[in-house]
Every structure is written in structure tokens, then in C-alpha cells.
């Protein structure tokens, strides 16, 4: 979880507001400190706190991604559909599909 959080901050730090970014860094440091010990309750509490602040910041990341998508192509929020024909080559007609079963006959 700590590594994933560091990667999240590295990849998306510019999309997270300063106060939320500071909260994530503090919670991540708390988790790292808890992991140095053997108190499972402290580790669990630190993990839950980190998950909460990351979830709060994820809304900022999602909002920034939606704004970028709208600016880039005018896509509707939540629309994941790719433009038709851009990613797949045109398929040629190969004739009708025939369903068949192959049976081997053994000669005596």
C-alpha cells in the first residue's frame, strides 16, 4: 500500500490539491512507521487512514481526468466509448460461417 501510494503521488501529484497531497504523505509516513513495529492494530489503523485519504484525493484525480478528456475530445463524462473504426482495421467478408463437427472413422 505504501509503495502504491508513492507511485500514485508520483504519477498524479499535480492533479491533487496541496492539502490532500500533504494528508496522503503524512498518512503514508504513519503507515511506514507502523510497519516497522509488530502491532497489528496500529498497522491496520494506519492502513485504513491511508486508504481514506487516498480515496478522498482520488476524486480530484478523476475530476482532472474528466476535464482533460472533455478538453481533448469533448467526450461525455463517464463515456468510455472509443471512436468507431479508429482502433480496429476494417474486417473483410469471409463468407458465411458454417458450424460443423469432424468425426474420424476408424477402418477395421
PDB file of N, CA and C in Angstrom:
ATOM      1  N   UNK A   1       0.833  -1.195   0.000  1.00  0.00           N
ATOM      2  CA  UNK A   1       0.000   0.000   0.000  1.00  0.00           C
ATOM      3  C   UNK A   1       0.871   1.250   0.000  1.00  0.00           C
ATOM      4  N   UNK A   2       1.948   1.241   0.773  1.00  0.00           N
ATOM      5  CA  UNK A   2       2.825   2.411   0.844  1.00  0.00           C
ATOM      6  C   UNK A   2       3.474   2.677  -0.512  1.00  0.00           C
ATOM      7  N   UNK A   3       3.942   1.613  -1.180  1.00  0.00           N
ATOM      8  CA  UNK A   3       4.562   1.772  -2.498  1.00  0.00           C
ATOM      9  C   UNK A   3       3.542   2.284  -3.510  1.00  0.00           C
ATOM     10  N   UNK A   4       2.339   1.731  -3.484  1.00  0.00           N
ATOM     11  CA  UNK A   4       1.293   2.150  -4.415  1.00  0.00           C
ATOM     12  C   UNK A   4       0.953   3.628  -4.215  1.00  0.00           C
ATOM     13  N   UNK A   5       0.958   4.059  -2.967  1.00  0.00           N
ATOM     14  CA  UNK A   5       0.649   5.453  -2.672  1.00  0.00           C
ATOM     15  C   UNK A   5       1.747   6.364  -3.199  1.00  0.00           C
ATOM     16  N   UNK A   6       2.998   5.950  -3.021  1.00  0.00           N
ATOM     17  CA  UNK A   6       4.101   6.752  -3.555  1.00  0.00           C
ATOM     18  C   UNK A   6       4.019   6.855  -5.068  1.00  0.00           C
ATOM     19  N   UNK A   7       3.670   5.756  -5.730  1.00  0.00           N
ATOM     20  CA  UNK A   7       3.519   5.767  -7.184  1.00  0.00           C
ATOM     21  C   UNK A   7       2.361   6.677  -7.593  1.00  0.00           C
ATOM     22  N   UNK A   8       1.266   6.621  -6.844  1.00  0.00           N
ATOM     23  CA  UNK A   8       0.117   7.484  -7.120  1.00  0.00           C
ATOM     24  C   UNK A   8       0.520   8.952  -7.037  1.00  0.00           C
ATOM     25  N   UNK A   9       1.259   9.300  -5.996  1.00  0.00           N
ATOM     26  CA  UNK A   9       1.697  10.683  -5.841  1.00  0.00           C
ATOM     27  C   UNK A   9       2.653  11.094  -6.956  1.00  0.00           C
ATOM     28  N   UNK A  10       3.538  10.191  -7.347  1.00  0.00           N
ATOM     29  CA  UNK A  10       4.499  10.496  -8.409  1.00  0.00           C
ATOM     30  C   UNK A  10       3.781  10.713  -9.747  1.00  0.00           C
ATOM     31  N   UNK A  11       2.834   9.828 -10.042  1.00  0.00           N
ATOM     32  CA  UNK A  11       2.147   9.880 -11.332  1.00  0.00           C
ATOM     33  C   UNK A  11       1.061  10.952 -11.411  1.00  0.00           C
ATOM     34  N   UNK A  12       0.411  11.238 -10.281  1.00  0.00           N
ATOM     35  CA  UNK A  12      -0.747  12.127 -10.299  1.00  0.00           C
ATOM     36  C   UNK A  12      -0.656  13.271  -9.300  1.00  0.00           C
ATOM     37  N   UNK A  13       0.519  13.535  -8.775  1.00  0.00           N
ATOM     38  CA  UNK A  13       0.668  14.565  -7.756  1.00  0.00           C
ATOM     39  C   UNK A  13       0.206  15.935  -8.200  1.00  0.00           C
ATOM     40  N   UNK A  14       0.347  16.231  -9.484  1.00  0.00           N
ATOM     41  CA  UNK A  14      -0.064  17.535  -9.997  1.00  0.00           C
ATOM     42  C   UNK A  14      -1.582  17.689 -10.070  1.00  0.00           C
ATOM     43  N   UNK A  15      -2.312  16.590  -9.957  1.00  0.00           N
ATOM     44  CA  UNK A  15      -3.772  16.635 -10.045  1.00  0.00           C
ATOM     45  C   UNK A  15      -4.443  16.655  -8.674  1.00  0.00           C
ATOM     46  N   UNK A  16      -3.626  16.556  -7.609  1.00  0.00           N
ATOM     47  CA  UNK A  16      -4.152  16.512  -6.251  1.00  0.00           C
ATOM     48  C   UNK A  16      -3.883  17.843  -5.578  1.00  0.00           C
ATOM     49  N   UNK A  17      -4.887  18.375  -4.887  1.00  0.00           N
ATOM     50  CA  UNK A  17      -4.701  19.651  -4.196  1.00  0.00           C
ATOM     51  C   UNK A  17      -3.640  19.507  -3.100  1.00  0.00           C
ATOM     52  N   UNK A  18      -3.020  20.619  -2.754  1.00  0.00           N
ATOM     53  CA  UNK A  18      -1.914  20.622  -1.814  1.00  0.00           C
ATOM     54  C   UNK A  18      -2.242  20.055  -0.446  1.00  0.00           C
ATOM     55  N   UNK A  19      -3.406  20.400   0.099  1.00  0.00           N
ATOM     56  CA  UNK A  19      -3.755  19.901   1.433  1.00  0.00           C
ATOM     57  C   UNK A  19      -4.011  18.399   1.421  1.00  0.00           C
ATOM     58  N   UNK A  20      -4.623  17.892   0.362  1.00  0.00           N
ATOM     59  CA  UNK A  20      -4.866  16.451   0.269  1.00  0.00           C
ATOM     60  C   UNK A  20      -3.562  15.703   0.033  1.00  0.00           C
ATOM     61  N   UNK A  21      -2.673  16.312  -0.746  1.00  0.00           N
ATOM     62  CA  UNK A  21      -1.376  15.687  -1.004  1.00  0.00           C
ATOM     63  C   UNK A  21      -0.583  15.583   0.299  1.00  0.00           C
ATOM     64  N   UNK A  22      -0.619  16.623   1.109  1.00  0.00           N
ATOM     65  CA  UNK A  22       0.074  16.598   2.400  1.00  0.00           C
ATOM     66  C   UNK A  22      -0.522  15.539   3.323  1.00  0.00           C
ATOM     67  N   UNK A  23      -1.837  15.401   3.306  1.00  0.00           N
ATOM     68  CA  UNK A  23      -2.506  14.398   4.135  1.00  0.00           C
ATOM     69  C   UNK A  23      -2.113  12.985   3.710  1.00  0.00           C
ATOM     70  N   UNK A  24      -2.002  12.770   2.402  1.00  0.00           N
ATOM     71  CA  UNK A  24      -1.587  11.455   1.898  1.00  0.00           C
ATOM     72  C   UNK A  24      -0.161  11.149   2.331  1.00  0.00           C
ATOM     73  N   UNK A  25       0.734  12.130   2.167  1.00  0.00           N
ATOM     74  CA  UNK A  25       2.127  11.920   2.547  1.00  0.00           C
ATOM     75  C   UNK A  25       2.254  11.624   4.040  1.00  0.00           C
ATOM     76  N   UNK A  26       1.500  12.337   4.864  1.00  0.00           N
ATOM     77  CA  UNK A  26       1.548  12.116   6.318  1.00  0.00           C
ATOM     78  C   UNK A  26       1.013  10.729   6.669  1.00  0.00           C
ATOM     79  N   UNK A  27      -0.110  10.349   6.070  1.00  0.00           N
ATOM     80  CA  UNK A  27      -0.692   9.034   6.344  1.00  0.00           C
ATOM     81  C   UNK A  27       0.221   7.915   5.847  1.00  0.00           C
ATOM     82  N   UNK A  28       0.884   8.139   4.728  1.00  0.00           N
ATOM     83  CA  UNK A  28       1.812   7.142   4.191  1.00  0.00           C
ATOM     84  C   UNK A  28       3.010   6.974   5.125  1.00  0.00           C
ATOM     85  N   UNK A  29       3.518   8.093   5.640  1.00  0.00           N
ATOM     86  CA  UNK A  29       4.629   8.020   6.591  1.00  0.00           C
ATOM     87  C   UNK A  29       4.214   7.312   7.873  1.00  0.00           C
ATOM     88  N   UNK A  30       2.978   7.559   8.329  1.00  0.00           N
ATOM     89  CA  UNK A  30       2.461   6.875   9.518  1.00  0.00           C
ATOM     90  C   UNK A  30       2.403   5.361   9.291  1.00  0.00           C
ATOM     91  N   UNK A  31       1.984   4.963   8.104  1.00  0.00           N
ATOM     92  CA  UNK A  31       1.918   3.540   7.785  1.00  0.00           C
ATOM     93  C   UNK A  31       3.313   2.931   7.771  1.00  0.00           C
ATOM     94  N   UNK A  32       4.258   3.618   7.169  1.00  0.00           N
ATOM     95  CA  UNK A  32       5.631   3.104   7.132  1.00  0.00           C
ATOM     96  C   UNK A  32       6.178   2.912   8.548  1.00  0.00           C
ATOM     97  N   UNK A  33       5.897   3.860   9.417  1.00  0.00           N
ATOM     98  CA  UNK A  33       6.356   3.742  10.805  1.00  0.00           C
ATOM     99  C   UNK A  33       5.665   2.580  11.503  1.00  0.00           C
ATOM    100  N   UNK A  34       4.381   2.411  11.259  1.00  0.00           N
ATOM    101  CA  UNK A  34       3.640   1.313  11.875  1.00  0.00           C
ATOM    102  C   UNK A  34       4.162  -0.039  11.397  1.00  0.00           C
ATOM    103  N   UNK A  35       4.564  -0.101  10.142  1.00  0.00           N
ATOM    104  CA  UNK A  35       5.077  -1.348   9.580  1.00  0.00           C
ATOM    105  C   UNK A  35       6.420  -1.752  10.184  1.00  0.00           C
ATOM    106  N   UNK A  36       7.135  -0.804  10.753  1.00  0.00           N
ATOM    107  CA  UNK A  36       8.410  -1.115  11.403  1.00  0.00           C
ATOM    108  C   UNK A  36       8.198  -1.900  12.694  1.00  0.00           C
ATOM    109  N   UNK A  37       7.033  -1.751  13.290  1.00  0.00           N
ATOM    110  CA  UNK A  37       6.713  -2.451  14.534  1.00  0.00           C
ATOM    111  C   UNK A  37       5.947  -3.732  14.266  1.00  0.00           C
ATOM    112  N   UNK A  38       5.403  -4.306  15.334  1.00  0.00           N
ATOM    113  CA  UNK A  38       4.661  -5.553  15.189  1.00  0.00           C
ATOM    114  C   UNK A  38       3.225  -5.442  15.705  1.00  0.00           C
ATOM    115  N   UNK A  39       2.783  -4.224  15.981  1.00  0.00           N
ATOM    116  CA  UNK A  39       1.422  -4.003  16.474  1.00  0.00           C
ATOM    117  C   UNK A  39       0.450  -4.027  15.291  1.00  0.00           C
ATOM    118  N   UNK A  40      -0.276  -5.128  15.167  1.00  0.00           N
ATOM    119  CA  UNK A  40      -1.167  -5.286  14.016  1.00  0.00           C
ATOM    120  C   UNK A  40      -2.309  -4.277  14.034  1.00  0.00           C
ATOM    121  N   UNK A  41      -2.750  -3.883  15.229  1.00  0.00           N
ATOM    122  CA  UNK A  41      -3.826  -2.883  15.310  1.00  0.00           C
ATOM    123  C   UNK A  41      -3.352  -1.527  14.795  1.00  0.00           C
ATOM    124  N   UNK A  42      -2.115  -1.158  15.099  1.00  0.00           N
ATOM    125  CA  UNK A  42      -1.572   0.106  14.613  1.00  0.00           C
ATOM    126  C   UNK A  42      -1.402   0.071  13.094  1.00  0.00           C
ATOM    127  N   UNK A  43      -0.962  -1.060  12.583  1.00  0.00           N
ATOM    128  CA  UNK A  43      -0.790  -1.204  11.128  1.00  0.00           C
ATOM    129  C   UNK A  43      -2.142  -1.114  10.437  1.00  0.00           C
ATOM    130  N   UNK A  44      -3.132  -1.788  11.003  1.00  0.00           N
ATOM    131  CA  UNK A  44      -4.475  -1.769  10.411  1.00  0.00           C
ATOM    132  C   UNK A  44      -5.057  -0.354  10.438  1.00  0.00           C
ATOM    133  N   UNK A  45      -4.904   0.340  11.550  1.00  0.00           N
ATOM    134  CA  UNK A  45      -5.433   1.700  11.664  1.00  0.00           C
ATOM    135  C   UNK A  45      -4.740   2.639  10.678  1.00  0.00           C
ATOM    136  N   UNK A  46      -3.413   2.520  10.555  1.00  0.00           N
ATOM    137  CA  UNK A  46      -2.663   3.371   9.621  1.00  0.00           C
ATOM    138  C   UNK A  46      -3.055   3.067   8.173  1.00  0.00           C
ATOM    139  N   UNK A  47      -3.271   1.808   7.873  1.00  0.00           N
ATOM    140  CA  UNK A  47      -3.683   1.421   6.521  1.00  0.00           C
ATOM    141  C   UNK A  47      -5.058   1.994   6.195  1.00  0.00           C
ATOM    142  N   UNK A  48      -5.987   1.874   7.123  1.00  0.00           N
ATOM    143  CA  UNK A  48      -7.337   2.401   6.901  1.00  0.00           C
ATOM    144  C   UNK A  48      -7.326   3.914   6.730  1.00  0.00           C
ATOM    145  N   UNK A  49      -6.514   4.601   7.528  1.00  0.00           N
ATOM    146  CA  UNK A  49      -6.417   6.059   7.402  1.00  0.00           C
ATOM    147  C   UNK A  49      -5.856   6.432   6.031  1.00  0.00           C
ATOM    148  N   UNK A  50      -4.817   5.718   5.601  1.00  0.00           N
ATOM    149  CA  UNK A  50      -4.226   5.998   4.287  1.00  0.00           C
ATOM    150  C   UNK A  50      -5.230   5.734   3.176  1.00  0.00           C
ATOM    151  N   UNK A  51      -5.964   4.644   3.274  1.00  0.00           N
ATOM    152  CA  UNK A  51      -6.971   4.336   2.254  1.00  0.00           C
ATOM    153  C   UNK A  51      -8.018   5.447   2.168  1.00  0.00           C
ATOM    154  N   UNK A  52      -8.413   5.982   3.302  1.00  0.00           N
ATOM    155  CA  UNK A  52      -9.425   7.042   3.322  1.00  0.00           C
ATOM    156  C   UNK A  52      -8.924   8.308   2.645  1.00  0.00           C
ATOM    157  N   UNK A  53      -7.700   8.738   2.978  1.00  0.00           N
ATOM    158  CA  UNK A  53      -7.199   9.984   2.379  1.00  0.00           C
ATOM    159  C   UNK A  53      -6.902   9.802   0.892  1.00  0.00           C
ATOM    160  N   UNK A  54      -6.475   8.598   0.496  1.00  0.00           N
ATOM    161  CA  UNK A  54      -6.245   8.334  -0.928  1.00  0.00           C
ATOM    162  C   UNK A  54      -7.574   8.352  -1.673  1.00  0.00           C
ATOM    163  N   UNK A  55      -8.593   7.789  -1.066  1.00  0.00           N
ATOM    164  CA  UNK A  55      -9.919   7.794  -1.705  1.00  0.00           C
ATOM    165  C   UNK A  55     -10.432   9.225  -1.872  1.00  0.00           C
ATOM    166  N   UNK A  56     -10.220  10.049  -0.861  1.00  0.00           N
ATOM    167  CA  UNK A  56     -10.641  11.450  -0.967  1.00  0.00           C
ATOM    168  C   UNK A  56      -9.910  12.155  -2.105  1.00  0.00           C
ATOM    169  N   UNK A  57      -8.623  11.886  -2.234  1.00  0.00           N
ATOM    170  CA  UNK A  57      -7.830  12.527  -3.283  1.00  0.00           C
ATOM    171  C   UNK A  57      -8.148  11.962  -4.658  1.00  0.00           C
ATOM    172  N   UNK A  58      -8.615  10.732  -4.708  1.00  0.00           N
ATOM    173  CA  UNK A  58      -8.949  10.118  -5.990  1.00  0.00           C
ATOM    174  C   UNK A  58     -10.037  10.890  -6.715  1.00  0.00           C
ATOM    175  N   UNK A  59     -10.894  11.543  -5.963  1.00  0.00           N
ATOM    176  CA  UNK A  59     -11.933  12.374  -6.580  1.00  0.00           C
ATOM    177  C   UNK A  59     -11.297  13.513  -7.376  1.00  0.00           C
ATOM    178  N   UNK A  60     -10.219  14.103  -6.845  1.00  0.00           N
ATOM    179  CA  UNK A  60      -9.516  15.160  -7.571  1.00  0.00           C
ATOM    180  C   UNK A  60      -8.897  14.620  -8.859  1.00  0.00           C
ATOM    181  N   UNK A  61      -8.296  13.442  -8.761  1.00  0.00           N
ATOM    182  CA  UNK A  61      -7.662  12.832  -9.934  1.00  0.00           C
ATOM    183  C   UNK A  61      -8.710  12.525 -10.993  1.00  0.00           C
ATOM    184  N   UNK A  62      -9.838  11.976 -10.577  1.00  0.00           N
ATOM    185  CA  UNK A  62     -10.912  11.645 -11.504  1.00  0.00           C
ATOM    186  C   UNK A  62     -11.451  12.905 -12.174  1.00  0.00           C
ATOM    187  N   UNK A  63     -11.635  13.950 -11.381  1.00  0.00           N
ATOM    188  CA  UNK A  63     -12.157  15.205 -11.920  1.00  0.00           C
ATOM    189  C   UNK A  63     -11.186  15.784 -12.952  1.00  0.00           C
ATOM    190  N   UNK A  64      -9.888  15.755 -12.647  1.00  0.00           N
ATOM    191  CA  UNK A  64      -8.888  16.269 -13.586  1.00  0.00           C
ATOM    192  C   UNK A  64      -8.873  15.450 -14.874  1.00  0.00           C
ATOM    193  N   UNK A  65      -9.024  14.138 -14.762  1.00  0.00           N
ATOM    194  CA  UNK A  65      -9.049  13.278 -15.945  1.00  0.00           C
ATOM    195  C   UNK A  65     -10.274  13.569 -16.805  1.00  0.00           C
ATOM    196  N   UNK A  66     -11.408  13.805 -16.168  1.00  0.00           N
ATOM    197  CA  UNK A  66     -12.618  14.129 -16.916  1.00  0.00           C
ATOM    198  C   UNK A  66     -12.481  15.458 -17.654  1.00  0.00           C
ATOM    199  N   UNK A  67     -11.870  16.435 -16.978  1.00  0.00           N
ATOM    200  CA  UNK A  67     -11.665  17.738 -17.610  1.00  0.00           C
ATOM    201  C   UNK A  67     -10.723  17.623 -18.799  1.00  0.00           C
ATOM    202  N   UNK A  68      -9.678  16.803 -18.670  1.00  0.00           N
ATOM    203  CA  UNK A  68      -8.754  16.597 -19.789  1.00  0.00           C
ATOM    204  C   UNK A  68      -9.449  15.909 -20.955  1.00  0.00           C
ATOM    205  N   UNK A  69     -10.289  14.929 -20.638  1.00  0.00           N
ATOM    206  CA  UNK A  69     -10.997  14.212 -21.693  1.00  0.00           C
ATOM    207  C   UNK A  69     -11.964  15.131 -22.431  1.00  0.00           C
ATOM    208  N   UNK A  70     -12.647  15.997 -21.693  1.00  0.00           N
ATOM    209  CA  UNK A  70     -13.575  16.922 -22.328  1.00  0.00           C
ATOM    210  C   UNK A  70     -12.822  17.938 -23.187  1.00  0.00           C
ATOM    211  N   UNK A  71     -11.689  18.404 -22.693  1.00  0.00           N
ATOM    212  CA  UNK A  71     -10.913  19.375 -23.456  1.00  0.00           C
ATOM    213  C   UNK A  71     -10.316  18.742 -24.711  1.00  0.00           C
ATOM    214  N   UNK A  72      -9.924  17.479 -24.613  1.00  0.00           N
ATOM    215  CA  UNK A  72      -9.277  16.809 -25.743  1.00  0.00           C
ATOM    216  C   UNK A  72     -10.262  16.427 -26.843  1.00  0.00           C
ATOM    217  N   UNK A  73     -11.428  15.924 -26.456  1.00  0.00           N
ATOM    218  CA  UNK A  73     -12.321  15.442 -27.496  1.00  0.00           C
ATOM    219  C   UNK A  73     -13.774  15.738 -27.269  1.00  0.00           C
ATOM    220  N   UNK A  74     -14.094  16.467 -26.259  1.00  0.00           N
ATOM    221  CA  UNK A  74     -15.483  16.774 -25.995  1.00  0.00           C
ATOM    222  C   UNK A  74     -16.292  15.561 -25.579  1.00  0.00           C
ATOM    223  N   UNK A  75     -15.634  14.566 -24.981  1.00  0.00           N
ATOM    224  CA  UNK A  75     -16.325  13.347 -24.567  1.00  0.00           C
ATOM    225  C   UNK A  75     -17.235  13.634 -23.385  1.00  0.00           C
ATOM    226  N   UNK A  76     -18.310  12.889 -23.320  1.00  0.00           N
ATOM    227  CA  UNK A  76     -19.228  12.997 -22.198  1.00  0.00           C
ATOM    228  C   UNK A  76     -18.573  12.418 -20.954  1.00  0.00           C
ATOM    229  N   UNK A  77     -18.809  12.977 -19.777  1.00  0.00           N
ATOM    230  CA  UNK A  77     -18.263  12.374 -18.557  1.00  0.00           C
ATOM    231  C   UNK A  77     -18.768  10.957 -18.373  1.00  0.00           C
ATOM    232  N   UNK A  78     -17.863  10.049 -18.076  1.00  0.00           N
ATOM    233  CA  UNK A  78     -18.239   8.659 -17.870  1.00  0.00           C
ATOM    234  C   UNK A  78     -18.311   7.861 -19.153  1.00  0.00           C
ATOM    235  N   UNK A  79     -18.123   8.481 -20.287  1.00  0.00           N
ATOM    236  CA  UNK A  79     -18.179   7.766 -21.555  1.00  0.00           C
ATOM    237  C   UNK A  79     -16.837   7.152 -21.878  1.00  0.00           C
ATOM    238  N   UNK A  80     -16.799   5.844 -22.010  1.00  0.00           N
ATOM    239  CA  UNK A  80     -15.556   5.161 -22.306  1.00  0.00           C
ATOM    240  C   UNK A  80     -15.504   4.675 -23.749  1.00  0.00           C
ATOM    241  N   UNK A  81     -16.474   5.018 -24.537  1.00  0.00           N
ATOM    242  CA  UNK A  81     -16.530   4.501 -25.894  1.00  0.00           C
ATOM    243  C   UNK A  81     -15.469   5.156 -26.765  1.00  0.00           C
ATOM    244  N   UNK A  82     -14.760   4.339 -27.508  1.00  0.00           N
ATOM    245  CA  UNK A  82     -13.742   4.834 -28.429  1.00  0.00           C
ATOM    246  C   UNK A  82     -14.417   5.162 -29.759  1.00  0.00           C
ATOM    247  N   UNK A  83     -13.852   6.077 -30.509  1.00  0.00           N
ATOM    248  CA  UNK A  83     -14.429   6.385 -31.816  1.00  0.00           C
ATOM    249  C   UNK A  83     -14.438   5.148 -32.705  1.00  0.00           C
ATOM    250  N   UNK A  84     -15.519   4.949 -33.424  1.00  0.00           N
ATOM    251  CA  UNK A  84     -15.659   3.759 -34.256  1.00  0.00           C
ATOM    252  C   UNK A  84     -14.650   3.766 -35.387  1.00  0.00           C
ATOM    253  N   UNK A  85     -14.016   2.613 -35.587  1.00  0.00           N
ATOM    254  CA  UNK A  85     -13.130   2.447 -36.716  1.00  0.00           C
ATOM    255  C   UNK A  85     -11.714   2.937 -36.517  1.00  0.00           C
ATOM    256  N   UNK A  86     -11.409   3.583 -35.424  1.00  0.00           N
ATOM    257  CA  UNK A  86     -10.062   4.095 -35.238  1.00  0.00           C
ATOM    258  C   UNK A  86      -9.083   3.031 -34.772  1.00  0.00           C
ATOM    259  N   UNK A  87      -9.524   2.105 -33.952  1.00  0.00           N
ATOM    260  CA  UNK A  87      -8.618   1.140 -33.362  1.00  0.00           C
ATOM    261  C   UNK A  87      -8.570  -0.196 -34.096  1.00  0.00           C
ATOM    262  N   UNK A  88      -9.620  -0.552 -34.801  1.00  0.00           N
ATOM    263  CA  UNK A  88      -9.671  -1.849 -35.452  1.00  0.00           C
ATOM    264  C   UNK A  88      -9.660  -1.670 -36.968  1.00  0.00           C
ATOM    265  N   UNK A  89      -8.875  -2.494 -37.655  1.00  0.00           N
ATOM    266  CA  UNK A  89      -8.904  -2.427 -39.118  1.00  0.00           C
ATOM    267  C   UNK A  89     -10.237  -2.956 -39.632  1.00  0.00           C
ATOM    268  N   UNK A  90     -10.601  -2.529 -40.813  1.00  0.00           N
ATOM    269  CA  UNK A  90     -11.863  -2.978 -41.400  1.00  0.00           C
ATOM    270  C   UNK A  90     -11.805  -4.485 -41.639  1.00  0.00           C
ATOM    271  N   UNK A  91     -12.882  -5.160 -41.309  1.00  0.00           N
ATOM    272  CA  UNK A  91     -12.911  -6.611 -41.478  1.00  0.00           C
ATOM    273  C   UNK A  91     -13.521  -6.928 -42.832  1.00  0.00           C
ATOM    274  N   UNK A  92     -12.860  -7.844 -43.533  1.00  0.00           N
ATOM    275  CA  UNK A  92     -13.396  -8.223 -44.840  1.00  0.00           C
ATOM    276  C   UNK A  92     -14.396  -9.358 -44.681  1.00  0.00           C
ATOM    277  N   UNK A  93     -15.284  -9.473 -45.608  1.00  0.00           N
ATOM    278  CA  UNK A  93     -16.288 -10.523 -45.570  1.00  0.00           C
ATOM    279  C   UNK A  93     -15.636 -11.819 -46.006  1.00  0.00           C
ATOM    280  N   UNK A  94     -15.626 -12.797 -45.119  1.00  0.00           N
ATOM    281  CA  UNK A  94     -15.005 -14.081 -45.417  1.00  0.00           C
ATOM    282  C   UNK A  94     -16.043 -15.160 -45.729  1.00  0.00           C
ATOM    283  N   UNK A  95     -17.243 -14.777 -46.019  1.00  0.00           N
ATOM    284  CA  UNK A  95     -18.281 -15.733 -46.357  1.00  0.00           C
ATOM    285  C   UNK A  95     -19.070 -16.159 -45.137  1.00  0.00           C
ATOM    286  N   UNK A  96     -20.015 -17.050 -45.347  1.00  0.00           N
ATOM    287  CA  UNK A  96     -20.870 -17.480 -44.240  1.00  0.00           C
ATOM    288  C   UNK A  96     -20.088 -18.362 -43.254  1.00  0.00           C
ATOM    289  N   UNK A  97     -20.542 -18.350 -42.033  1.00  0.00           N
ATOM    290  CA  UNK A  97     -19.944 -19.197 -41.005  1.00  0.00           C
ATOM    291  C   UNK A  97     -20.673 -20.528 -41.022  1.00  0.00           C
ATOM    292  N   UNK A  98     -19.910 -21.604 -41.084  1.00  0.00           N
ATOM    293  CA  UNK A  98     -20.505 -22.935 -41.146  1.00  0.00           C
ATOM    294  C   UNK A  98     -20.125 -23.674 -39.873  1.00  0.00           C
ATOM    295  N   UNK A  99     -21.133 -24.161 -39.181  1.00  0.00           N
ATOM    296  CA  UNK A  99     -20.914 -24.939 -37.969  1.00  0.00           C
ATOM    297  C   UNK A  99     -20.849 -26.401 -38.355  1.00  0.00           C
ATOM    298  N   UNK A 100     -19.749 -27.076 -38.008  1.00  0.00           N
ATOM    299  CA  UNK A 100     -19.604 -28.462 -38.400  1.00  0.00           C
ATOM    300  C   UNK A 100     -18.891 -29.254 -37.303  1.00  0.00           C
ATOM    301  N   UNK A 101     -19.016 -30.563 -37.385  1.00  0.00           N
ATOM    302  CA  UNK A 101     -18.349 -31.458 -36.444  1.00  0.00           C
ATOM    303  C   UNK A 101     -17.520 -32.449 -37.243  1.00  0.00           C
ATOM    304  N   UNK A 102     -16.270 -32.615 -36.825  1.00  0.00           N
ATOM    305  CA  UNK A 102     -15.386 -33.545 -37.521  1.00  0.00           C
ATOM    306  C   UNK A 102     -15.448 -34.898 -36.796  1.00  0.00           C
ATOM    307  N   UNK A 103     -15.707 -35.941 -37.557  1.00  0.00           N
ATOM    308  CA  UNK A 103     -15.788 -37.277 -36.986  1.00  0.00           C
ATOM    309  C   UNK A 103     -14.803 -38.156 -37.738  1.00  0.00           C
ATOM    310  N   UNK A 104     -13.911 -38.803 -36.998  1.00  0.00           N
ATOM    311  CA  UNK A 104     -12.957 -39.709 -37.620  1.00  0.00           C
ATOM    312  C   UNK A 104     -13.532 -41.117 -37.593  1.00  0.00           C
ATOM    313  N   UNK A 105     -13.522 -41.745 -38.733  1.00  0.00           N
ATOM    314  CA  UNK A 105     -13.988 -43.113 -38.787  1.00  0.00           C
ATOM    315  C   UNK A 105     -12.770 -44.034 -38.847  1.00  0.00           C
ATOM    316  N   UNK A 106     -12.770 -45.042 -37.994  1.00  0.00           N
ATOM    317  CA  UNK A 106     -11.651 -45.966 -37.951  1.00  0.00           C
ATOM    318  C   UNK A 106     -11.950 -47.147 -38.884  1.00  0.00           C
ATOM    319  N   UNK A 107     -10.960 -47.462 -39.698  1.00  0.00           N
ATOM    320  CA  UNK A 107     -11.111 -48.619 -40.596  1.00  0.00           C
ATOM    321  C   UNK A 107     -10.720 -49.874 -39.841  1.00  0.00           C
ATOM    322  N   UNK A 108     -11.476 -50.955 -40.027  1.00  0.00           N
ATOM    323  CA  UNK A 108     -11.186 -52.223 -39.353  1.00  0.00           C
ATOM    324  C   UNK A 108     -10.196 -53.029 -40.098  1.00  0.00           C
TER     325      UNK A 108
END
